[in-house]
Amino acid sequence: MERSVNISEEVIRTCDVLRKGGVVLYPTDTIWGIGCDASNAEAVNRIYEIKKRRLSKSLLILLDEPEKLSLYTQHVPLIAWDLLRQTDKPTTFIYPHIKNLPSNLVASDGSIGIRITSNEFCRKVISLLGHPIVSTSANISGEPTPTHFREISEDIKKNMDYIVNPVFGTVENMKASTIIRFTDDYSFEILRD
């Protein structure tokens, strides 16, 4: 009989891999993602290599708490706090003027996409790790984005240092997040709905 999977044990195993600079395949509040410790530039480079993604196409990061935004952006636009409270579906916000992250993770204009994840597994990993985690779709750049674990290619899986147990990827109707870019303290534009 198969032993049930304990979320705390899985979080610890995942964090051990991330702390060593590893790359993991894990479920998010949207789709399955490829991730690493967002503070590790070498691990970020590995994700670009695995995905065959151009460095000019920046990645996004996940945080567990809105209060941590000020650790990674020099200024949180005032409207961000209202939008964070009002948004009822996974939304990635593009913040300007990023700090404390490797340059290969930040867009050429100094911005980065940050999502406050609602996924329990991700929140626990980020909290235990003490850093945000990179999140990008589990596919080679240009190929269709898998919406279920079973659709993730073997090319992706074989390059992972760890694959989180699929039992934690139980989001119904998985799809990519909404993307909103802040243009100033009071304005924003929706890039993907």
N, C-alpha and C. Protein backbone atom coordinates (compact mmCIF):
# COMPACT_ATOMS: atom_id res chain seq x y z
N MET A 1 0.85 -1.19 0.00
CA MET A 1 0.00 0.00 0.00
C MET A 1 0.89 1.24 0.00
N GLU A 2 0.56 2.21 -0.87
CA GLU A 2 1.37 3.42 -1.00
C GLU A 2 1.17 4.34 0.20
N ARG A 3 2.28 4.83 0.75
CA ARG A 3 2.23 5.74 1.89
C ARG A 3 1.71 7.10 1.43
N SER A 4 0.84 7.74 2.22
CA SER A 4 0.36 9.06 1.85
C SER A 4 1.51 10.07 1.88
N VAL A 5 1.41 11.07 1.05
CA VAL A 5 2.46 12.07 0.92
C VAL A 5 2.18 13.21 1.88
N ASN A 6 3.16 13.53 2.70
CA ASN A 6 3.04 14.58 3.70
C ASN A 6 3.56 15.89 3.10
N ILE A 7 2.74 16.94 3.15
CA ILE A 7 3.14 18.21 2.53
C ILE A 7 4.40 18.79 3.18
N SER A 8 4.52 18.66 4.49
CA SER A 8 5.70 19.21 5.18
C SER A 8 6.98 18.51 4.72
N GLU A 9 6.93 17.19 4.58
CA GLU A 9 8.10 16.44 4.11
C GLU A 9 8.46 16.85 2.68
N GLU A 10 7.45 17.03 1.85
CA GLU A 10 7.69 17.41 0.45
C GLU A 10 8.28 18.83 0.37
N VAL A 11 7.81 19.71 1.22
CA VAL A 11 8.35 21.08 1.28
C VAL A 11 9.82 21.04 1.68
N ILE A 12 10.15 20.26 2.68
CA ILE A 12 11.54 20.15 3.14
C ILE A 12 12.44 19.60 2.05
N ARG A 13 11.99 18.53 1.37
CA ARG A 13 12.78 17.94 0.27
C ARG A 13 13.01 18.97 -0.84
N THR A 14 11.95 19.70 -1.19
CA THR A 14 12.05 20.71 -2.26
C THR A 14 13.03 21.81 -1.87
N CYS A 15 12.92 22.30 -0.64
CA CYS A 15 13.83 23.36 -0.18
C CYS A 15 15.28 22.89 -0.15
N ASP A 16 15.52 21.64 0.22
CA ASP A 16 16.88 21.10 0.22
C ASP A 16 17.49 21.19 -1.18
N VAL A 17 16.71 20.84 -2.19
CA VAL A 17 17.18 20.90 -3.58
C VAL A 17 17.42 22.35 -3.99
N LEU A 18 16.49 23.24 -3.65
CA LEU A 18 16.61 24.65 -4.03
C LEU A 18 17.83 25.30 -3.38
N ARG A 19 18.08 24.98 -2.12
CA ARG A 19 19.24 25.56 -1.41
C ARG A 19 20.56 25.14 -2.05
N LYS A 20 20.58 23.98 -2.69
CA LYS A 20 21.80 23.48 -3.34
C LYS A 20 21.92 23.99 -4.78
N GLY A 21 21.05 24.91 -5.18
CA GLY A 21 21.10 25.45 -6.54
C GLY A 21 20.34 24.62 -7.55
N GLY A 22 19.48 23.73 -7.07
CA GLY A 22 18.74 22.86 -7.96
C GLY A 22 17.55 23.53 -8.63
N VAL A 23 17.06 22.85 -9.66
CA VAL A 23 15.89 23.29 -10.42
C VAL A 23 14.80 22.24 -10.21
N VAL A 24 13.59 22.72 -9.92
CA VAL A 24 12.49 21.80 -9.60
C VAL A 24 11.29 22.03 -10.52
N LEU A 25 10.50 20.97 -10.65
CA LEU A 25 9.22 21.02 -11.35
C LEU A 25 8.17 20.97 -10.25
N TYR A 26 7.30 21.97 -10.20
CA TYR A 26 6.38 22.05 -9.06
C TYR A 26 5.05 22.68 -9.47
N PRO A 27 3.97 22.38 -8.71
CA PRO A 27 2.67 22.96 -9.00
C PRO A 27 2.56 24.36 -8.39
N THR A 28 1.89 25.25 -9.09
CA THR A 28 1.64 26.59 -8.57
C THR A 28 0.13 26.80 -8.46
N ASP A 29 -0.27 28.03 -8.22
CA ASP A 29 -1.70 28.35 -8.18
C ASP A 29 -2.27 28.53 -9.59
N THR A 30 -1.41 28.40 -10.60
CA THR A 30 -1.89 28.48 -11.98
C THR A 30 -1.57 27.17 -12.71
N ILE A 31 -0.34 27.03 -13.20
CA ILE A 31 0.06 25.85 -13.95
C ILE A 31 1.31 25.24 -13.31
N TRP A 32 1.73 24.08 -13.79
CA TRP A 32 2.99 23.51 -13.32
C TRP A 32 4.13 24.41 -13.77
N GLY A 33 5.08 24.62 -12.87
CA GLY A 33 6.18 25.53 -13.16
C GLY A 33 7.54 24.90 -12.99
N ILE A 34 8.50 25.52 -13.63
CA ILE A 34 9.91 25.21 -13.41
C ILE A 34 10.42 26.33 -12.51
N GLY A 35 11.13 25.95 -11.45
CA GLY A 35 11.57 26.98 -10.52
C GLY A 35 12.91 26.70 -9.89
N CYS A 36 13.41 27.75 -9.24
CA CYS A 36 14.66 27.68 -8.48
C CYS A 36 14.61 28.79 -7.44
N ASP A 37 15.62 28.82 -6.60
CA ASP A 37 15.79 29.90 -5.64
C ASP A 37 16.06 31.16 -6.46
N ALA A 38 15.20 32.16 -6.34
CA ALA A 38 15.31 33.37 -7.16
C ALA A 38 16.56 34.19 -6.85
N SER A 39 17.23 33.89 -5.75
CA SER A 39 18.45 34.64 -5.42
C SER A 39 19.71 33.99 -6.01
N ASN A 40 19.56 32.85 -6.68
CA ASN A 40 20.69 32.09 -7.20
C ASN A 40 20.83 32.28 -8.72
N ALA A 41 21.76 33.15 -9.14
CA ALA A 41 21.92 33.48 -10.56
C ALA A 41 22.26 32.26 -11.41
N GLU A 42 23.07 31.33 -10.89
CA GLU A 42 23.44 30.14 -11.66
C GLU A 42 22.22 29.25 -11.90
N ALA A 43 21.38 29.10 -10.89
CA ALA A 43 20.17 28.30 -11.05
C ALA A 43 19.22 28.97 -12.05
N VAL A 44 19.13 30.29 -12.01
CA VAL A 44 18.31 31.02 -12.98
C VAL A 44 18.82 30.75 -14.39
N ASN A 45 20.13 30.77 -14.60
CA ASN A 45 20.70 30.46 -15.92
C ASN A 45 20.32 29.07 -16.38
N ARG A 46 20.30 28.11 -15.46
CA ARG A 46 19.92 26.75 -15.84
C ARG A 46 18.50 26.70 -16.37
N ILE A 47 17.61 27.48 -15.77
CA ILE A 47 16.22 27.49 -16.25
C ILE A 47 16.17 28.02 -17.68
N TYR A 48 16.91 29.09 -17.97
CA TYR A 48 16.95 29.60 -19.34
C TYR A 48 17.46 28.52 -20.29
N GLU A 49 18.48 27.79 -19.88
CA GLU A 49 19.05 26.73 -20.73
C GLU A 49 18.04 25.60 -20.95
N ILE A 50 17.40 25.14 -19.88
CA ILE A 50 16.43 24.05 -19.98
C ILE A 50 15.28 24.42 -20.90
N LYS A 51 14.79 25.65 -20.76
CA LYS A 51 13.66 26.10 -21.58
C LYS A 51 14.07 26.55 -22.98
N LYS A 52 15.39 26.69 -23.20
CA LYS A 52 15.89 27.24 -24.46
C LYS A 52 15.25 28.61 -24.71
N ARG A 53 15.25 29.39 -23.65
CA ARG A 53 14.59 30.71 -23.65
C ARG A 53 15.64 31.80 -23.78
N ARG A 54 15.33 32.81 -24.58
CA ARG A 54 16.24 33.96 -24.73
C ARG A 54 16.34 34.71 -23.40
N LEU A 55 17.54 35.16 -23.08
CA LEU A 55 17.75 35.90 -21.83
C LEU A 55 16.96 37.20 -21.80
N SER A 56 16.60 37.70 -22.97
CA SER A 56 15.84 38.96 -23.03
C SER A 56 14.38 38.76 -22.57
N LYS A 57 13.94 37.51 -22.48
CA LYS A 57 12.58 37.23 -21.99
C LYS A 57 12.66 36.92 -20.50
N SER A 58 12.33 37.90 -19.69
CA SER A 58 12.51 37.74 -18.25
C SER A 58 11.54 36.70 -17.67
N LEU A 59 11.86 36.25 -16.48
CA LEU A 59 11.05 35.28 -15.75
C LEU A 59 10.31 36.01 -14.63
N LEU A 60 9.38 35.33 -13.98
CA LEU A 60 8.69 35.95 -12.85
C LEU A 60 9.05 35.21 -11.57
N ILE A 61 8.73 35.82 -10.45
CA ILE A 61 8.97 35.19 -9.16
C ILE A 61 7.67 35.12 -8.36
N LEU A 62 7.65 34.17 -7.43
CA LEU A 62 6.52 34.02 -6.52
C LEU A 62 6.96 34.42 -5.12
N LEU A 63 6.08 35.11 -4.43
CA LEU A 63 6.25 35.44 -3.01
C LEU A 63 5.07 34.87 -2.24
N ASP A 64 5.26 34.67 -0.95
CA ASP A 64 4.19 34.13 -0.12
C ASP A 64 3.37 35.20 0.59
N GLU A 65 3.94 36.41 0.73
CA GLU A 65 3.25 37.48 1.46
C GLU A 65 3.46 38.83 0.77
N PRO A 66 2.40 39.65 0.65
CA PRO A 66 2.55 40.98 0.05
C PRO A 66 3.56 41.86 0.78
N GLU A 67 3.69 41.66 2.08
CA GLU A 67 4.61 42.49 2.88
C GLU A 67 6.06 42.34 2.44
N LYS A 68 6.38 41.26 1.73
CA LYS A 68 7.75 41.04 1.28
C LYS A 68 8.09 41.77 -0.01
N LEU A 69 7.10 42.41 -0.63
CA LEU A 69 7.36 43.13 -1.89
C LEU A 69 8.45 44.18 -1.73
N SER A 70 8.46 44.86 -0.60
CA SER A 70 9.44 45.94 -0.40
C SER A 70 10.88 45.42 -0.30
N LEU A 71 11.05 44.10 -0.12
CA LEU A 71 12.39 43.53 -0.12
C LEU A 71 12.98 43.44 -1.54
N TYR A 72 12.10 43.47 -2.55
CA TYR A 72 12.55 43.22 -3.92
C TYR A 72 12.24 44.34 -4.90
N THR A 73 11.47 45.33 -4.47
CA THR A 73 11.22 46.48 -5.34
C THR A 73 11.48 47.75 -4.54
N GLN A 74 12.10 48.73 -5.19
CA GLN A 74 12.45 49.96 -4.50
C GLN A 74 11.22 50.78 -4.13
N HIS A 75 10.14 50.57 -4.88
CA HIS A 75 8.91 51.32 -4.61
C HIS A 75 7.72 50.49 -5.07
N VAL A 76 6.81 50.22 -4.16
CA VAL A 76 5.58 49.53 -4.52
C VAL A 76 4.55 50.60 -4.89
N PRO A 77 4.07 50.61 -6.15
CA PRO A 77 3.08 51.62 -6.54
C PRO A 77 1.88 51.61 -5.59
N LEU A 78 1.38 52.78 -5.26
CA LEU A 78 0.30 52.89 -4.29
C LEU A 78 -0.93 52.06 -4.69
N ILE A 79 -1.24 52.04 -5.98
CA ILE A 79 -2.41 51.29 -6.44
C ILE A 79 -2.24 49.79 -6.26
N ALA A 80 -1.00 49.34 -6.13
CA ALA A 80 -0.74 47.90 -5.99
C ALA A 80 -1.46 47.32 -4.78
N TRP A 81 -1.46 48.06 -3.68
CA TRP A 81 -2.08 47.53 -2.46
C TRP A 81 -3.57 47.31 -2.64
N ASP A 82 -4.25 48.22 -3.35
CA ASP A 82 -5.68 48.03 -3.63
C ASP A 82 -5.90 46.85 -4.55
N LEU A 83 -5.11 46.76 -5.60
CA LEU A 83 -5.27 45.66 -6.56
C LEU A 83 -4.99 44.31 -5.91
N LEU A 84 -3.98 44.25 -5.07
CA LEU A 84 -3.67 42.99 -4.39
C LEU A 84 -4.84 42.52 -3.52
N ARG A 85 -5.52 43.46 -2.89
CA ARG A 85 -6.67 43.11 -2.04
C ARG A 85 -7.88 42.70 -2.87
N GLN A 86 -8.06 43.33 -4.03
CA GLN A 86 -9.27 43.14 -4.83
C GLN A 86 -9.19 41.98 -5.82
N THR A 87 -8.00 41.55 -6.17
CA THR A 87 -7.84 40.52 -7.19
C THR A 87 -8.26 39.17 -6.64
N ASP A 88 -9.18 38.52 -7.35
CA ASP A 88 -9.68 37.23 -6.86
C ASP A 88 -9.17 36.04 -7.68
N LYS A 89 -8.30 36.30 -8.65
CA LYS A 89 -7.69 35.19 -9.40
C LYS A 89 -6.19 35.44 -9.49
N PRO A 90 -5.41 34.39 -9.77
CA PRO A 90 -3.95 34.57 -9.81
C PRO A 90 -3.54 35.68 -10.79
N THR A 91 -2.82 36.66 -10.26
CA THR A 91 -2.41 37.81 -11.06
C THR A 91 -0.94 38.12 -10.80
N THR A 92 -0.20 38.25 -11.88
CA THR A 92 1.21 38.63 -11.81
C THR A 92 1.29 40.12 -12.10
N PHE A 93 1.91 40.85 -11.18
CA PHE A 93 2.08 42.29 -11.36
C PHE A 93 3.53 42.56 -11.73
N ILE A 94 3.73 43.43 -12.72
CA ILE A 94 5.08 43.79 -13.13
C ILE A 94 5.46 45.08 -12.40
N TYR A 95 6.46 44.94 -11.53
CA TYR A 95 6.92 46.05 -10.71
C TYR A 95 8.20 46.65 -11.31
N PRO A 96 8.32 47.98 -11.28
CA PRO A 96 9.55 48.62 -11.76
C PRO A 96 10.60 48.65 -10.64
N HIS A 97 11.81 48.99 -11.00
CA HIS A 97 12.87 49.29 -10.03
C HIS A 97 13.11 48.16 -9.02
N ILE A 98 13.58 47.04 -9.53
CA ILE A 98 13.80 45.85 -8.72
C ILE A 98 15.15 45.91 -8.00
N LYS A 99 15.21 45.31 -6.82
CA LYS A 99 16.46 45.23 -6.06
C LYS A 99 16.58 43.83 -5.44
N ASN A 100 17.79 43.51 -5.02
CA ASN A 100 18.07 42.27 -4.29
C ASN A 100 17.78 40.99 -5.07
N LEU A 101 17.81 41.07 -6.40
CA LEU A 101 17.65 39.88 -7.24
C LEU A 101 18.76 39.87 -8.29
N PRO A 102 19.17 38.70 -8.77
CA PRO A 102 20.23 38.64 -9.78
C PRO A 102 19.81 39.35 -11.07
N SER A 103 20.78 39.96 -11.73
CA SER A 103 20.48 40.74 -12.94
C SER A 103 19.89 39.87 -14.06
N ASN A 104 20.24 38.58 -14.12
CA ASN A 104 19.70 37.73 -15.19
C ASN A 104 18.23 37.38 -14.96
N LEU A 105 17.67 37.80 -13.85
CA LEU A 105 16.26 37.56 -13.57
C LEU A 105 15.41 38.79 -13.87
N VAL A 106 16.06 39.94 -13.96
CA VAL A 106 15.36 41.22 -14.11
C VAL A 106 15.33 41.63 -15.59
N ALA A 107 14.21 42.17 -16.04
CA ALA A 107 14.07 42.63 -17.42
C ALA A 107 15.01 43.80 -17.69
N SER A 108 15.28 44.05 -18.95
CA SER A 108 16.22 45.11 -19.33
C SER A 108 15.78 46.49 -18.84
N ASP A 109 14.47 46.68 -18.62
CA ASP A 109 13.98 47.97 -18.11
C ASP A 109 13.99 48.04 -16.57
N GLY A 110 14.57 47.01 -15.92
CA GLY A 110 14.67 47.02 -14.47
C GLY A 110 13.43 46.52 -13.74
N SER A 111 12.51 45.90 -14.46
CA SER A 111 11.27 45.42 -13.85
C SER A 111 11.27 43.90 -13.72
N ILE A 112 10.30 43.40 -12.97
CA ILE A 112 10.09 41.95 -12.88
C ILE A 112 8.63 41.69 -12.54
N GLY A 113 8.13 40.54 -13.00
CA GLY A 113 6.79 40.10 -12.63
C GLY A 113 6.84 39.37 -11.30
N ILE A 114 5.94 39.76 -10.39
CA ILE A 114 5.86 39.12 -9.07
C ILE A 114 4.41 38.73 -8.82
N ARG A 115 4.21 37.48 -8.41
CA ARG A 115 2.87 37.04 -8.03
C ARG A 115 2.90 36.59 -6.57
N ILE A 116 1.92 37.03 -5.81
CA ILE A 116 1.73 36.52 -4.45
C ILE A 116 0.90 35.26 -4.61
N THR A 117 1.53 34.13 -4.39
CA THR A 117 0.86 32.86 -4.66
C THR A 117 -0.13 32.49 -3.56
N SER A 118 -1.21 31.86 -3.97
CA SER A 118 -2.19 31.36 -3.00
C SER A 118 -2.03 29.85 -2.79
N ASN A 119 -1.12 29.23 -3.55
CA ASN A 119 -0.91 27.79 -3.46
C ASN A 119 -0.21 27.45 -2.14
N GLU A 120 -0.81 26.58 -1.36
CA GLU A 120 -0.28 26.25 -0.02
C GLU A 120 1.14 25.69 -0.11
N PHE A 121 1.37 24.79 -1.04
CA PHE A 121 2.69 24.18 -1.18
C PHE A 121 3.74 25.26 -1.47
N CYS A 122 3.47 26.12 -2.45
CA CYS A 122 4.41 27.19 -2.81
C CYS A 122 4.67 28.13 -1.64
N ARG A 123 3.63 28.50 -0.94
CA ARG A 123 3.77 29.42 0.19
C ARG A 123 4.69 28.83 1.26
N LYS A 124 4.52 27.55 1.53
CA LYS A 124 5.35 26.88 2.54
C LYS A 124 6.81 26.79 2.08
N VAL A 125 7.02 26.51 0.80
CA VAL A 125 8.39 26.44 0.26
C VAL A 125 9.07 27.80 0.38
N ILE A 126 8.39 28.85 -0.05
CA ILE A 126 8.96 30.20 -0.02
C ILE A 126 9.27 30.62 1.42
N SER A 127 8.36 30.32 2.32
CA SER A 127 8.56 30.67 3.72
C SER A 127 9.77 29.95 4.31
N LEU A 128 9.87 28.65 4.08
CA LEU A 128 10.99 27.88 4.63
C LEU A 128 12.31 28.25 3.96
N LEU A 129 12.28 28.47 2.64
CA LEU A 129 13.49 28.82 1.91
C LEU A 129 14.01 30.20 2.31
N GLY A 130 13.09 31.11 2.57
CA GLY A 130 13.48 32.47 2.94
C GLY A 130 13.77 33.35 1.75
N HIS A 131 13.46 32.87 0.55
CA HIS A 131 13.64 33.64 -0.70
C HIS A 131 12.45 33.38 -1.61
N PRO A 132 12.21 34.29 -2.55
CA PRO A 132 11.20 33.99 -3.56
C PRO A 132 11.68 32.84 -4.45
N ILE A 133 10.76 32.24 -5.17
CA ILE A 133 11.13 31.21 -6.14
C ILE A 133 10.74 31.67 -7.54
N VAL A 134 11.56 31.27 -8.50
CA VAL A 134 11.27 31.56 -9.91
C VAL A 134 10.09 30.68 -10.33
N SER A 135 9.26 31.21 -11.20
CA SER A 135 8.16 30.43 -11.75
C SER A 135 8.05 30.73 -13.24
N THR A 136 8.16 29.68 -14.03
CA THR A 136 7.97 29.79 -15.47
C THR A 136 7.33 28.50 -15.94
N SER A 137 6.57 28.57 -16.99
CA SER A 137 5.83 27.40 -17.47
C SER A 137 6.76 26.23 -17.78
N ALA A 138 6.25 25.03 -17.58
CA ALA A 138 7.04 23.80 -17.71
C ALA A 138 7.06 23.32 -19.16
N ASN A 139 7.65 24.14 -20.02
CA ASN A 139 7.75 23.79 -21.44
C ASN A 139 9.00 24.43 -22.04
N ILE A 140 9.39 23.92 -23.20
CA ILE A 140 10.44 24.56 -23.99
C ILE A 140 9.82 25.83 -24.58
N SER A 141 10.56 26.93 -24.60
CA SER A 141 10.02 28.19 -25.13
C SER A 141 9.46 27.98 -26.54
N GLY A 142 8.28 28.51 -26.75
CA GLY A 142 7.64 28.42 -28.06
C GLY A 142 6.71 27.23 -28.20
N GLU A 143 6.84 26.24 -27.32
CA GLU A 143 5.95 25.08 -27.36
C GLU A 143 4.71 25.35 -26.52
N PRO A 144 3.62 24.59 -26.74
CA PRO A 144 2.41 24.81 -25.96
C PRO A 144 2.66 24.65 -24.45
N THR A 145 1.97 25.46 -23.67
CA THR A 145 2.08 25.40 -22.22
C THR A 145 1.23 24.24 -21.70
N PRO A 146 1.84 23.30 -20.98
CA PRO A 146 1.05 22.19 -20.44
C PRO A 146 0.13 22.67 -19.31
N THR A 147 -1.10 22.19 -19.32
CA THR A 147 -2.03 22.58 -18.26
C THR A 147 -2.20 21.47 -17.22
N HIS A 148 -1.65 20.30 -17.51
CA HIS A 148 -1.70 19.18 -16.56
C HIS A 148 -0.32 18.53 -16.50
N PHE A 149 -0.03 17.90 -15.39
CA PHE A 149 1.27 17.25 -15.21
C PHE A 149 1.55 16.25 -16.33
N ARG A 150 0.55 15.49 -16.72
CA ARG A 150 0.74 14.45 -17.74
C ARG A 150 1.16 15.03 -19.10
N GLU A 151 0.95 16.33 -19.32
CA GLU A 151 1.30 16.96 -20.59
C GLU A 151 2.74 17.49 -20.62
N ILE A 152 3.43 17.44 -19.49
CA ILE A 152 4.81 17.96 -19.44
C ILE A 152 5.73 16.99 -20.14
N SER A 153 6.56 17.50 -21.03
CA SER A 153 7.41 16.64 -21.86
C SER A 153 8.53 15.99 -21.05
N GLU A 154 8.98 14.85 -21.56
CA GLU A 154 10.11 14.15 -20.94
C GLU A 154 11.38 15.00 -21.03
N ASP A 155 11.50 15.83 -22.07
CA ASP A 155 12.66 16.72 -22.20
C ASP A 155 12.77 17.65 -20.99
N ILE A 156 11.64 18.12 -20.51
CA ILE A 156 11.64 18.98 -19.33
C ILE A 156 11.93 18.14 -18.08
N LYS A 157 11.20 17.04 -17.91
CA LYS A 157 11.34 16.23 -16.69
C LYS A 157 12.76 15.73 -16.48
N LYS A 158 13.42 15.30 -17.55
CA LYS A 158 14.76 14.71 -17.39
C LYS A 158 15.80 15.74 -16.95
N ASN A 159 15.51 17.03 -17.11
CA ASN A 159 16.45 18.08 -16.73
C ASN A 159 16.21 18.63 -15.32
N MET A 160 15.24 18.08 -14.63
CA MET A 160 14.91 18.56 -13.29
C MET A 160 15.77 17.85 -12.25
N ASP A 161 16.13 18.59 -11.20
CA ASP A 161 16.82 17.98 -10.06
C ASP A 161 15.82 17.35 -9.10
N TYR A 162 14.57 17.82 -9.17
CA TYR A 162 13.53 17.26 -8.33
C TYR A 162 12.18 17.55 -8.95
N ILE A 163 11.27 16.57 -8.88
CA ILE A 163 9.90 16.74 -9.35
C ILE A 163 8.98 16.54 -8.15
N VAL A 164 8.24 17.58 -7.83
CA VAL A 164 7.32 17.52 -6.70
C VAL A 164 6.21 16.51 -7.02
N ASN A 165 5.80 15.79 -6.01
CA ASN A 165 4.77 14.79 -6.19
C ASN A 165 3.52 15.41 -6.83
N PRO A 166 3.03 14.83 -7.93
CA PRO A 166 1.87 15.40 -8.64
C PRO A 166 0.61 15.52 -7.81
N VAL A 167 0.55 14.85 -6.67
CA VAL A 167 -0.63 14.94 -5.83
C VAL A 167 -0.88 16.38 -5.35
N PHE A 168 0.18 17.21 -5.34
CA PHE A 168 0.02 18.60 -4.89
C PHE A 168 -0.41 19.54 -6.02
N GLY A 169 -0.50 19.05 -7.23
CA GLY A 169 -0.93 19.87 -8.36
C GLY A 169 -2.38 19.62 -8.70
N THR A 170 -3.24 20.08 -7.85
CA THR A 170 -4.66 19.75 -7.99
C THR A 170 -5.54 20.93 -8.39
N VAL A 171 -4.95 21.97 -8.98
CA VAL A 171 -5.74 23.12 -9.40
C VAL A 171 -6.67 22.71 -10.55
N GLU A 172 -7.94 23.05 -10.43
CA GLU A 172 -8.89 22.79 -11.52
C GLU A 172 -8.76 23.90 -12.57
N ASN A 173 -8.92 23.54 -13.81
CA ASN A 173 -8.87 24.52 -14.90
C ASN A 173 -7.60 25.37 -14.85
N MET A 174 -6.46 24.69 -14.79
CA MET A 174 -5.19 25.41 -14.73
C MET A 174 -5.00 26.28 -15.97
N LYS A 175 -4.55 27.51 -15.74
CA LYS A 175 -4.20 28.41 -16.84
C LYS A 175 -3.26 29.47 -16.31
N ALA A 176 -2.59 30.11 -17.23
CA ALA A 176 -1.62 31.15 -16.86
C ALA A 176 -2.32 32.31 -16.17
N SER A 177 -1.55 33.05 -15.38
CA SER A 177 -2.11 34.16 -14.62
C SER A 177 -2.40 35.38 -15.49
N THR A 178 -3.24 36.25 -14.97
CA THR A 178 -3.42 37.59 -15.53
C THR A 178 -2.11 38.34 -15.30
N ILE A 179 -1.72 39.21 -16.24
CA ILE A 179 -0.51 40.01 -16.07
C ILE A 179 -0.87 41.48 -16.15
N ILE A 180 -0.47 42.24 -15.14
CA ILE A 180 -0.73 43.68 -15.07
C ILE A 180 0.59 44.41 -14.85
N ARG A 181 0.82 45.46 -15.64
CA ARG A 181 2.03 46.28 -15.49
C ARG A 181 1.65 47.62 -14.90
N PHE A 182 2.38 48.02 -13.85
CA PHE A 182 2.17 49.34 -13.27
C PHE A 182 2.90 50.37 -14.12
N THR A 183 2.21 51.48 -14.42
CA THR A 183 2.84 52.55 -15.21
C THR A 183 3.25 53.72 -14.33
N ASP A 184 2.59 53.88 -13.19
CA ASP A 184 2.99 54.86 -12.17
C ASP A 184 2.25 54.50 -10.88
N ASP A 185 2.25 55.38 -9.90
CA ASP A 185 1.63 55.06 -8.61
C ASP A 185 0.13 54.78 -8.69
N TYR A 186 -0.53 55.32 -9.71
CA TYR A 186 -1.98 55.24 -9.77
C TYR A 186 -2.51 54.59 -11.03
N SER A 187 -1.63 54.15 -11.93
CA SER A 187 -2.08 53.63 -13.23
C SER A 187 -1.46 52.28 -13.53
N PHE A 188 -2.17 51.51 -14.35
CA PHE A 188 -1.68 50.19 -14.75
C PHE A 188 -2.27 49.83 -16.11
N GLU A 189 -1.68 48.84 -16.75
CA GLU A 189 -2.25 48.30 -17.99
C GLU A 189 -2.29 46.79 -17.89
N ILE A 190 -3.36 46.19 -18.42
CA ILE A 190 -3.51 44.74 -18.41
C ILE A 190 -2.83 44.18 -19.66
N LEU A 191 -1.81 43.35 -19.46
CA LEU A 191 -1.08 42.75 -20.58
C LEU A 191 -1.64 41.41 -20.99
N ARG A 192 -2.19 40.67 -20.02
CA ARG A 192 -2.83 39.38 -20.33
C ARG A 192 -3.94 39.17 -19.32
N ASP A 193 -5.15 38.87 -19.83
CA ASP A 193 -6.29 38.68 -18.94
C ASP A 193 -6.61 37.22 -18.77
